[in-house]
Amino acid sequence: MNNQLKVPCRKEKLKDVRQFVEQFLQQRGVSEIEAGEMVLAVDEVCANLMIHSHQCNPRKHIGVKIKMINHDQVQFEISDYGVGFNFCRYKEPSLEDIIKEKKKGGVGLMLVKRIMDSMEFIRKANRNVYRMVKRVHSV
């Protein structure tokens, strides 16, 4: 199975990303709960890049690569070109502030940080790589 996917920055393509991640994890025997968490995290990062970094411009693309490490960890690399956002430096807002300000959104990266075991942002020339690793217990 191919472990990489390239999609245009259109929100409709998030479905393809979710299916790609689900299929990869399912074929490796990852539990439905763990797979669901990882699908959510990857979807959130991809959506943020499509919407905020590329303004849903279908001429721009993001890439998603997945691989197993040591049979018990899944590594995701989401890449794009252009202005990067170092999600490792993201400062979480308090839930109280989000509720007080009645903000719509703002909790996606909080979820990603709680789901994934490690996160890394790599900038090479004009390419950004968002690397996330999650240990799995069901493989």
Protein backbone atom coordinates (compact mmCIF):
# COMPACT_ATOMS: atom_id res chain seq x y z
CA MET A 1 0.00 0.00 0.00
CA ASN A 2 1.16 3.50 -0.82
CA ASN A 3 1.93 5.38 2.38
CA GLN A 4 1.68 8.89 0.96
CA LEU A 5 -1.05 11.13 -0.35
CA LYS A 6 -1.03 14.54 -2.01
CA VAL A 7 -4.21 16.62 -2.04
CA PRO A 8 -5.15 20.11 -3.18
CA CYS A 9 -6.00 22.61 -0.47
CA ARG A 10 -9.76 22.22 -0.67
CA LYS A 11 -11.75 21.37 2.45
CA GLU A 12 -13.64 18.70 0.49
CA LYS A 13 -10.34 16.78 0.22
CA LEU A 14 -10.14 16.30 3.99
CA LYS A 15 -12.39 13.28 3.51
CA ASP A 16 -9.68 11.72 1.32
CA VAL A 17 -7.08 12.40 4.02
CA ARG A 18 -9.23 10.79 6.71
CA GLN A 19 -9.89 7.72 4.56
CA PHE A 20 -6.19 7.41 3.72
CA VAL A 21 -5.19 7.50 7.41
CA GLU A 22 -8.00 5.13 8.45
CA GLN A 23 -7.07 2.59 5.79
CA PHE A 24 -3.37 2.65 6.69
CA LEU A 25 -4.10 2.15 10.40
CA GLN A 26 -6.78 -0.48 9.82
CA GLN A 27 -4.42 -2.56 7.67
CA ARG A 28 -1.93 -2.55 10.53
CA GLY A 29 -4.40 -3.68 13.16
CA VAL A 30 -4.59 -0.43 15.10
CA SER A 31 -7.63 -0.32 17.37
CA GLU A 32 -10.61 1.71 16.26
CA ILE A 33 -10.27 4.10 19.23
CA GLU A 34 -6.57 4.79 18.66
CA ALA A 35 -7.14 5.12 14.93
CA GLY A 36 -9.98 7.57 15.50
CA GLU A 37 -7.77 9.77 17.66
CA MET A 38 -5.01 9.83 15.05
CA VAL A 39 -7.44 10.54 12.22
CA LEU A 40 -8.77 13.50 14.22
CA ALA A 41 -5.27 14.88 14.85
CA VAL A 42 -4.13 14.56 11.21
CA ASP A 43 -7.42 16.03 9.98
CA GLU A 44 -7.01 19.02 12.29
CA VAL A 45 -3.47 19.81 11.14
CA CYS A 46 -4.42 19.39 7.47
CA ALA A 47 -7.52 21.57 7.86
CA ASN A 48 -5.50 24.31 9.56
CA LEU A 49 -2.95 24.28 6.74
CA MET A 50 -5.59 24.30 4.01
CA ILE A 51 -7.64 27.08 5.60
CA HIS A 52 -5.11 29.31 7.35
CA SER A 53 -1.87 28.80 5.40
CA HIS A 54 -3.29 28.39 1.90
CA GLN A 55 -6.75 30.02 2.09
CA CYS A 56 -8.29 26.90 0.46
CA ASN A 57 -6.41 27.60 -2.78
CA PRO A 58 -6.82 24.42 -4.89
CA ARG A 59 -3.59 25.23 -6.76
CA LYS A 60 -1.68 24.64 -3.50
CA HIS A 61 -1.17 21.13 -2.13
CA ILE A 62 -0.34 19.36 1.09
CA GLY A 63 1.27 15.97 1.39
CA VAL A 64 0.64 13.31 4.03
CA LYS A 65 3.09 10.44 4.67
CA ILE A 66 2.59 7.68 7.21
CA LYS A 67 4.98 5.01 8.41
CA MET A 68 5.36 2.57 11.24
CA ILE A 69 8.39 2.89 13.53
CA ASN A 70 9.53 -0.10 15.60
CA HIS A 71 6.14 -1.81 15.11
CA ASP A 72 4.53 0.21 17.92
CA GLN A 73 4.63 3.82 16.76
CA VAL A 74 2.98 5.59 13.86
CA GLN A 75 4.72 8.60 12.32
CA PHE A 76 2.82 11.17 10.30
CA GLU A 77 4.53 13.80 8.16
CA ILE A 78 2.33 16.52 6.76
CA SER A 79 4.16 18.82 4.37
CA ASP A 80 3.46 21.97 2.42
CA TYR A 81 5.25 24.87 0.80
CA GLY A 82 5.07 28.48 1.85
CA VAL A 83 4.72 30.27 5.15
CA GLY A 84 5.02 27.77 8.00
CA PHE A 85 3.39 27.66 11.39
CA ASN A 86 5.47 26.12 14.14
CA PHE A 87 2.73 24.24 15.97
CA CYS A 88 5.25 23.20 18.63
CA ARG A 89 5.36 26.81 19.85
CA TYR A 90 1.58 27.06 20.00
CA LYS A 91 0.42 28.45 23.35
CA GLU A 92 -2.84 26.92 24.43
CA PRO A 93 -5.56 29.33 25.38
CA SER A 94 -7.39 28.50 28.56
CA LEU A 95 -10.78 26.89 28.10
CA GLU A 96 -12.21 29.60 30.35
CA ASP A 97 -11.01 32.28 27.92
CA ILE A 98 -12.44 30.43 24.94
CA ILE A 99 -15.81 30.12 26.68
CA LYS A 100 -15.76 33.72 27.95
CA GLU A 101 -14.94 35.10 24.52
CA LYS A 102 -17.44 32.71 22.89
CA LYS A 103 -14.79 31.83 20.35
CA LYS A 104 -15.67 29.39 17.66
CA GLY A 105 -12.67 27.12 17.26
CA GLY A 106 -9.34 27.40 18.96
CA VAL A 107 -9.25 23.93 20.51
CA GLY A 108 -8.04 21.86 17.56
CA LEU A 109 -4.33 22.11 18.27
CA MET A 110 -5.03 21.49 21.95
CA LEU A 111 -6.53 18.15 20.93
CA VAL A 112 -3.61 17.35 18.62
CA LYS A 113 -1.11 17.98 21.43
CA ARG A 114 -3.07 15.72 23.77
CA ILE A 115 -3.45 12.91 21.22
CA MET A 116 0.07 12.73 19.83
CA ASP A 117 3.10 11.65 21.84
CA SER A 118 5.49 13.97 20.03
CA MET A 119 5.26 16.83 17.57
CA GLU A 120 7.99 18.49 15.54
CA PHE A 121 8.11 21.32 13.01
CA ILE A 122 10.88 21.24 10.38
CA ARG A 123 11.52 24.05 7.91
CA LYS A 124 13.74 23.26 4.91
CA ALA A 125 14.09 26.02 2.33
CA ASN A 126 10.45 26.79 1.54
CA ARG A 127 9.11 23.36 2.58
CA ASN A 128 7.43 22.81 5.94
CA VAL A 129 7.16 19.40 7.57
CA TYR A 130 4.83 18.80 10.50
CA ARG A 131 5.92 15.51 12.07
CA MET A 132 3.81 13.76 14.69
CA VAL A 133 4.35 10.40 16.38
CA LYS A 134 1.87 8.27 18.30
CA ARG A 135 2.63 5.04 20.16
CA VAL A 136 0.00 2.38 19.53
CA HIS A 137 -0.86 -0.45 21.87
CA SER A 138 -2.88 -2.69 19.61
CA VAL A 139 -0.37 -3.63 16.92
